[in-house]
Amino acid sequence: MSRFANCRMSSIFLGLLLAASVSVASNAHAAEAERRETFDFKTWSIQRITLPQAGQPAVSYYLSPPKTKAPLVLFVQGSGCIAPFSGLGTDNRSASIFPYVGLAMGGRFAVMAVDKPYQTAGRQDGEPNGALECSAEFNKHYSYDTWLATLRTALQHALARPDVDPSRVLVVGMSEGGVLAAGLARAMPQVSAVALVGSSGTTQLYDMIASTYQGSGSDADKLKELQLIEATVKQIMAEPDSVSKFAWGHTYRRWSSFLAQSPADNLLQSKARVYIASGMQDKSVPILSSEAMYAQLRMRGRDVTMVRVPGGSHDLLTEAGGREQVQQEYDAIVRWFEGR
């Protein structure tokens, strides 16, 4: 099992809504046409836009149009290959990005998510298991750099829409998605705000080290664990492009590309406002990683907000809370974004 489980709660079943009608449009003048599909519900809709790329997998993203021209909110999912939506256009449809549907139904934002190339098409009801159950094509292609390039292409395309205000863009990164949210903010000056939920703040190597120190074992046990981490990192860096060898649920290629990234450093190279939300009992990404990022940004004079959820887990869930409590945490992110 990956140390960085995908940040998702139980799927939101779109089947509880009215049945959707589907329409498809394409640009007939292009050799490989851009494809648009619309899934209409009672008061809102989801559009799936597929952009062909010569010699590369197509870029596919989802956008729920606002009622009038509005800011854009992009959700970037956590690790693994589970699709943001499955079964659209059928009676067995679901969403794996928890806050997407509620925000899209309000119609006040253009709400967006992006497919990972070669992701799993169907729904997964069990616990995510890193990339061990992903296809060979997914694992061969996936890295920080390829995923960032996919997100950039999709976001750039969406920002050209007439119903999107390109001056107000929020990227919400969940778990591993927080690393990409920070990278997007550095790469694209259009990103005006970033929210990181259960995300690494320094590097994912630091997260592993901090998690080891927070464990309940003896110092001798912790030292052995730290030595195992170092030995594994050494193996990864000896074969950084390997897509056949795995560690902690992911390929060496995935790890070598992500371990080189520091969300804090990337955010310091951006102009985005930053919101950090972490569960104080997160067992996947220790809150100390978020705290280190917060301290670094705060003392460099950046506009940064830190929210610590007492008793909160990796997805901000508490024992006394439920889906409604987690929704309140995401509602707070939206209010923070709207506050400027």
Protein backbone atom coordinates (compact mmCIF):
# COMPACT_ATOMS: atom_id res chain seq x y z
CA MET A 1 0.00 0.00 0.00
CA SER A 2 1.33 3.42 -0.89
CA ARG A 3 2.21 5.72 2.00
CA PHE A 4 0.26 8.38 0.10
CA ALA A 5 -3.21 6.94 -0.39
CA ASN A 6 -5.54 8.67 -2.79
CA CYS A 7 -7.48 11.43 -1.01
CA ARG A 8 -11.10 10.42 -1.61
CA MET A 9 -14.17 9.59 0.41
CA SER A 10 -17.05 7.33 -0.59
CA SER A 11 -18.13 8.03 -4.16
CA ILE A 12 -20.94 10.50 -4.71
CA PHE A 13 -23.49 8.68 -6.80
CA LEU A 14 -24.73 10.84 -9.62
CA GLY A 15 -27.40 8.22 -10.17
CA LEU A 16 -29.28 9.84 -7.29
CA LEU A 17 -29.83 12.79 -9.61
CA LEU A 18 -32.15 12.82 -12.60
CA ALA A 19 -31.01 10.79 -15.58
CA ALA A 20 -28.63 12.67 -17.83
CA SER A 21 -29.00 13.32 -21.52
CA VAL A 22 -25.82 13.14 -23.58
CA SER A 23 -24.81 15.20 -26.58
CA VAL A 24 -21.57 14.97 -28.55
CA ALA A 25 -19.92 17.62 -30.73
CA SER A 26 -16.62 17.73 -32.57
CA ASN A 27 -14.58 19.94 -34.88
CA ALA A 28 -15.05 18.27 -38.25
CA HIS A 29 -12.26 20.33 -39.86
CA ALA A 30 -9.51 18.82 -37.72
CA ALA A 31 -7.80 15.61 -38.79
CA GLU A 32 -8.11 14.36 -35.23
CA ALA A 33 -11.11 16.23 -33.88
CA GLU A 34 -11.48 17.83 -30.50
CA ARG A 35 -14.38 16.00 -28.89
CA ARG A 36 -17.00 17.50 -26.58
CA GLU A 37 -19.61 15.51 -24.72
CA THR A 38 -22.28 17.08 -22.52
CA PHE A 39 -24.05 15.24 -19.71
CA ASP A 40 -27.11 17.25 -18.68
CA PHE A 41 -28.76 16.91 -15.28
CA LYS A 42 -31.73 18.76 -13.87
CA THR A 43 -30.09 22.12 -13.14
CA TRP A 44 -26.44 21.61 -14.10
CA SER A 45 -24.22 19.69 -16.48
CA ILE A 46 -20.79 18.16 -16.97
CA GLN A 47 -18.88 18.61 -20.19
CA ARG A 48 -16.07 16.23 -21.10
CA ILE A 49 -13.59 17.77 -23.53
CA THR A 50 -10.98 15.54 -25.21
CA LEU A 51 -8.00 17.17 -26.91
CA PRO A 52 -5.93 15.04 -29.32
CA GLN A 53 -2.14 15.27 -29.12
CA ALA A 54 0.16 14.02 -31.87
CA GLY A 55 2.31 11.19 -30.56
CA GLN A 56 0.94 11.58 -27.03
CA PRO A 57 -2.19 10.37 -25.23
CA ALA A 58 -5.18 12.69 -25.59
CA VAL A 59 -5.89 15.18 -22.81
CA SER A 60 -9.38 14.79 -21.39
CA TYR A 61 -10.98 17.06 -18.82
CA TYR A 62 -14.37 17.76 -17.25
CA LEU A 63 -15.92 21.16 -16.75
CA SER A 64 -19.29 22.11 -15.30
CA PRO A 65 -20.21 25.48 -16.82
CA PRO A 66 -21.27 28.33 -14.53
CA LYS A 67 -24.55 30.20 -14.94
CA THR A 68 -22.64 33.37 -15.90
CA LYS A 69 -18.97 34.15 -16.53
CA ALA A 70 -17.23 33.07 -13.35
CA PRO A 71 -13.95 32.07 -11.67
CA LEU A 72 -12.59 28.58 -12.30
CA VAL A 73 -11.94 25.94 -9.63
CA LEU A 74 -9.76 23.00 -10.65
CA PHE A 75 -9.65 19.90 -8.43
CA VAL A 76 -6.52 17.74 -8.72
CA GLN A 77 -7.03 14.25 -7.36
CA GLY A 78 -4.63 12.16 -5.30
CA SER A 79 -2.46 9.21 -6.26
CA GLY A 80 -3.45 6.20 -8.31
CA CYS A 81 -5.39 5.81 -11.54
CA ILE A 82 -9.04 6.12 -10.49
CA ALA A 83 -11.03 8.36 -12.84
CA PRO A 84 -12.72 11.53 -11.52
CA PHE A 85 -15.98 10.22 -12.98
CA SER A 86 -17.15 6.82 -14.14
CA GLY A 87 -20.27 5.72 -15.92
CA LEU A 88 -21.31 9.14 -17.21
CA GLY A 89 -24.16 8.64 -19.64
CA THR A 90 -25.27 5.48 -17.82
CA ASP A 91 -27.44 4.70 -14.81
CA ASN A 92 -24.37 3.59 -12.81
CA ARG A 93 -22.40 6.80 -12.59
CA SER A 94 -20.24 8.09 -9.75
CA ALA A 95 -17.66 10.70 -8.82
CA SER A 96 -14.43 10.05 -6.90
CA ILE A 97 -13.55 13.71 -6.20
CA PHE A 98 -15.71 14.39 -3.17
CA PRO A 99 -16.37 18.18 -3.35
CA TYR A 100 -16.83 18.45 -7.14
CA VAL A 101 -20.55 17.77 -7.53
CA GLY A 102 -21.83 20.05 -4.76
CA LEU A 103 -19.79 23.00 -6.01
CA ALA A 104 -20.76 22.41 -9.63
CA MET A 105 -24.46 22.24 -8.80
CA GLY A 106 -24.31 25.75 -7.33
CA GLY A 107 -23.44 27.25 -10.71
CA ARG A 108 -21.26 30.03 -9.26
CA PHE A 109 -17.98 28.61 -10.58
CA ALA A 110 -16.64 26.79 -13.59
CA VAL A 111 -15.67 23.53 -11.87
CA MET A 112 -12.99 21.38 -13.46
CA ALA A 113 -11.19 18.04 -13.12
CA VAL A 114 -8.74 16.26 -15.43
CA ASP A 115 -8.30 12.62 -16.39
CA LYS A 116 -4.93 10.99 -15.87
CA PRO A 117 -3.79 9.36 -19.13
CA TYR A 118 -4.48 5.60 -19.21
CA GLN A 119 -6.45 5.77 -15.96
CA THR A 120 -8.90 3.08 -14.87
CA ALA A 121 -12.23 3.50 -16.66
CA GLY A 122 -14.48 1.85 -14.10
CA ARG A 123 -15.38 2.61 -10.52
CA GLN A 124 -13.33 1.28 -7.59
CA ASP A 125 -15.28 0.59 -4.42
CA GLY A 126 -12.38 -0.75 -2.38
CA GLU A 127 -9.45 1.09 -0.88
CA PRO A 128 -6.96 2.57 -3.37
CA ASN A 129 -3.65 0.73 -3.53
CA GLY A 130 -1.24 3.19 -5.09
CA ALA A 131 -0.53 2.24 -8.70
CA LEU A 132 -0.14 -1.51 -8.18
CA GLU A 133 -3.53 -2.16 -9.76
CA CYS A 134 -3.10 0.37 -12.57
CA SER A 135 -2.42 -0.67 -16.15
CA ALA A 136 1.07 -1.11 -17.56
CA GLU A 137 0.34 1.82 -19.90
CA PHE A 138 -0.51 4.06 -16.95
CA ASN A 139 2.62 3.18 -15.01
CA LYS A 140 4.83 3.51 -18.08
CA HIS A 141 3.53 7.01 -18.77
CA TYR A 142 2.93 8.44 -15.31
CA SER A 143 5.36 10.83 -13.62
CA TYR A 144 5.24 14.28 -12.07
CA ASP A 145 6.32 15.87 -15.33
CA THR A 146 3.83 14.08 -17.60
CA TRP A 147 0.92 14.71 -15.20
CA LEU A 148 1.88 18.38 -14.84
CA ALA A 149 2.01 18.73 -18.65
CA THR A 150 -1.47 17.17 -18.95
CA LEU A 151 -2.90 19.52 -16.33
CA ARG A 152 -1.30 22.56 -17.96
CA THR A 153 -2.73 21.70 -21.36
CA ALA A 154 -6.22 21.16 -19.95
CA LEU A 155 -6.17 24.31 -17.81
CA GLN A 156 -4.86 26.49 -20.64
CA HIS A 157 -7.66 25.24 -22.89
CA ALA A 158 -10.33 25.83 -20.24
CA LEU A 159 -9.14 29.37 -19.55
CA ALA A 160 -9.95 30.34 -23.14
CA ARG A 161 -13.65 29.62 -22.62
CA PRO A 162 -15.95 32.66 -22.73
CA ASP A 163 -17.70 31.58 -19.51
CA VAL A 164 -14.45 31.48 -17.49
CA ASP A 165 -12.84 34.46 -15.77
CA PRO A 166 -9.13 33.75 -16.35
CA SER A 167 -8.08 36.28 -13.71
CA ARG A 168 -9.54 34.21 -10.86
CA VAL A 169 -8.31 30.62 -10.80
CA LEU A 170 -8.23 28.33 -7.75
CA VAL A 171 -6.44 24.97 -7.88
CA VAL A 172 -7.36 22.56 -5.08
CA GLY A 173 -4.85 19.73 -4.72
CA MET A 174 -5.75 16.75 -2.58
CA SER A 175 -2.98 14.52 -1.18
CA GLU A 176 -0.56 13.91 -4.08
CA GLY A 177 -2.61 16.45 -6.04
CA GLY A 178 -1.26 19.17 -3.75
CA VAL A 179 2.22 18.63 -5.17
CA LEU A 180 0.79 19.26 -8.65
CA ALA A 181 -1.27 22.26 -7.49
CA ALA A 182 1.92 23.93 -6.26
CA GLY A 183 3.69 23.04 -9.50
CA LEU A 184 0.85 24.51 -11.56
CA ALA A 185 0.99 27.74 -9.59
CA ARG A 186 4.69 28.04 -10.41
CA ALA A 187 4.24 27.11 -14.08
CA MET A 188 1.11 29.15 -14.79
CA PRO A 189 0.81 32.72 -13.50
CA GLN A 190 -2.94 32.55 -14.18
CA VAL A 191 -3.29 30.46 -11.02
CA SER A 192 -4.20 33.09 -8.44
CA ALA A 193 -4.96 30.81 -5.48
CA VAL A 194 -3.94 27.34 -4.33
CA ALA A 195 -5.50 25.13 -1.66
CA LEU A 196 -3.61 22.06 -0.46
CA VAL A 197 -5.53 19.38 1.44
CA GLY A 198 -3.57 16.61 3.16
CA SER A 199 -0.62 17.49 0.97
CA SER A 200 3.11 17.21 1.33
CA GLY A 201 4.67 20.55 2.15
CA THR A 202 8.40 19.97 1.87
CA THR A 203 9.20 16.76 -0.04
CA GLN A 204 7.65 13.32 0.10
CA LEU A 205 10.95 11.98 1.41
CA TYR A 206 10.65 14.32 4.38
CA ASP A 207 7.09 13.04 4.89
CA MET A 208 8.37 9.48 5.23
CA ILE A 209 11.09 10.52 7.64
CA ALA A 210 8.71 12.60 9.78
CA SER A 211 6.17 9.75 9.84
CA THR A 212 8.87 7.42 11.13
CA TYR A 213 9.76 9.76 13.99
CA GLN A 214 6.07 10.08 14.89
CA GLY A 215 5.74 6.31 15.21
CA SER A 216 5.39 4.51 18.53
CA GLY A 217 8.41 2.23 18.24
CA SER A 218 11.75 2.53 19.99
CA ASP A 219 14.57 4.65 18.66
CA ALA A 220 16.25 1.45 17.49
CA ASP A 221 13.13 0.49 15.54
CA LYS A 222 12.91 3.96 14.03
CA LEU A 223 16.55 3.87 13.03
CA LYS A 224 15.98 0.59 11.17
CA GLU A 225 12.99 2.11 9.39
CA LEU A 226 14.98 5.19 8.42
CA GLN A 227 17.76 2.97 7.07
CA LEU A 228 15.21 1.03 4.99
CA ILE A 229 13.84 4.29 3.58
CA GLU A 230 17.33 5.43 2.65
CA ALA A 231 18.15 2.07 1.04
CA THR A 232 14.95 2.20 -1.02
CA VAL A 233 15.61 5.78 -2.14
CA LYS A 234 19.12 4.73 -3.16
CA GLN A 235 17.67 1.94 -5.31
CA ILE A 236 15.17 4.33 -6.89
CA MET A 237 17.82 6.90 -7.74
CA ALA A 238 20.03 4.20 -9.25
CA GLU A 239 17.26 3.41 -11.76
CA PRO A 240 15.14 6.58 -11.81
CA ASP A 241 13.39 5.78 -15.10
CA SER A 242 12.36 2.23 -14.29
CA VAL A 243 8.67 1.52 -14.82
CA SER A 244 8.92 -2.18 -13.97
CA LYS A 245 10.27 -1.81 -10.44
CA PHE A 246 8.01 -0.60 -7.62
CA ALA A 247 8.47 0.90 -4.17
CA TRP A 248 5.73 1.95 -1.77
CA GLY A 249 3.05 1.17 -4.37
CA HIS A 250 4.48 3.18 -7.27
CA THR A 251 7.12 2.85 -9.98
CA TYR A 252 10.65 4.08 -9.52
CA ARG A 253 9.97 6.61 -12.29
CA ARG A 254 7.04 8.03 -10.40
CA TRP A 255 9.03 8.29 -7.19
CA SER A 256 12.16 9.84 -8.70
CA SER A 257 10.07 12.58 -10.32
CA PHE A 258 7.94 13.34 -7.25
CA LEU A 259 10.73 13.14 -4.68
CA ALA A 260 12.47 15.98 -6.50
CA GLN A 261 9.52 18.32 -5.92
CA SER A 262 9.01 20.67 -2.98
CA PRO A 263 5.54 22.29 -2.89
CA ALA A 264 6.86 25.03 -0.59
CA ASP A 265 9.67 25.92 -2.99
CA ASN A 266 7.33 25.88 -5.99
CA LEU A 267 4.82 28.13 -4.22
CA LEU A 268 7.58 30.58 -3.36
CA GLN A 269 8.19 30.83 -7.12
CA SER A 270 4.53 31.73 -7.72
CA LYS A 271 2.32 34.68 -6.86
CA ALA A 272 -0.62 32.59 -5.68
CA ARG A 273 -2.39 32.98 -2.36
CA VAL A 274 -2.13 29.75 -0.39
CA TYR A 275 -4.57 27.85 1.84
CA ILE A 276 -3.34 24.76 3.69
CA ALA A 277 -5.72 22.30 5.40
CA SER A 278 -4.34 19.28 7.24
CA GLY A 279 -5.71 16.74 9.67
CA MET A 280 -3.80 16.73 12.92
CA GLN A 281 -4.03 12.91 12.97
CA ASP A 282 -3.10 12.38 9.31
CA LYS A 283 -1.35 8.99 9.12
CA SER A 284 -0.41 9.31 5.42
CA VAL A 285 1.17 12.76 5.27
CA PRO A 286 2.25 14.12 8.67
CA ILE A 287 0.95 17.58 9.46
CA LEU A 288 4.54 18.57 10.31
CA SER A 289 5.17 18.65 6.55
CA SER A 290 2.37 21.18 6.12
CA GLU A 291 3.60 23.14 9.13
CA ALA A 292 7.10 23.39 7.65
CA MET A 293 5.62 24.75 4.42
CA TYR A 294 3.41 27.19 6.30
CA ALA A 295 6.36 28.49 8.33
CA GLN A 296 8.49 28.93 5.22
CA LEU A 297 5.78 30.83 3.33
CA ARG A 298 4.68 32.86 6.35
CA MET A 299 8.16 34.13 7.14
CA ARG A 300 8.71 35.09 3.51
CA GLY A 301 5.71 37.42 3.73
CA ARG A 302 3.38 35.32 1.61
CA ASP A 303 -0.42 35.38 1.87
CA VAL A 304 -0.89 31.97 3.50
CA THR A 305 -3.65 30.50 5.67
CA MET A 306 -3.10 27.37 7.77
CA VAL A 307 -6.10 25.32 8.96
CA ARG A 308 -5.43 22.51 11.41
CA VAL A 309 -8.30 20.03 11.85
CA PRO A 310 -8.21 18.50 15.37
CA GLY A 311 -8.60 14.74 15.13
CA GLY A 312 -8.68 14.99 11.35
CA SER A 313 -7.43 12.18 9.14
CA HIS A 314 -5.76 12.39 5.74
CA ASP A 315 -9.06 13.44 4.12
CA LEU A 316 -9.90 15.78 7.07
CA LEU A 317 -12.48 13.35 8.48
CA THR A 318 -12.87 13.18 12.26
CA GLU A 319 -14.42 10.40 14.35
CA ALA A 320 -17.31 12.64 15.35
CA GLY A 321 -17.74 14.04 11.85
CA GLY A 322 -18.90 12.66 8.55
CA ARG A 323 -19.29 13.70 4.96
CA GLU A 324 -21.03 16.91 6.05
CA GLN A 325 -18.10 17.86 8.29
CA VAL A 326 -15.60 17.35 5.46
CA GLN A 327 -17.85 19.33 3.14
CA GLN A 328 -17.66 22.21 5.61
CA GLU A 329 -13.86 22.18 5.27
CA TYR A 330 -14.15 22.52 1.49
CA ASP A 331 -16.83 25.20 1.87
CA ALA A 332 -14.34 27.16 3.97
CA ILE A 333 -11.81 26.94 1.11
CA VAL A 334 -14.36 28.39 -1.31
CA ARG A 335 -15.23 31.22 1.10
CA TRP A 336 -11.52 32.01 1.46
CA PHE A 337 -11.14 32.12 -2.33
CA GLU A 338 -14.18 34.36 -2.73
CA GLY A 339 -12.88 36.69 -0.03
CA ARG A 340 -10.51 38.38 -2.48
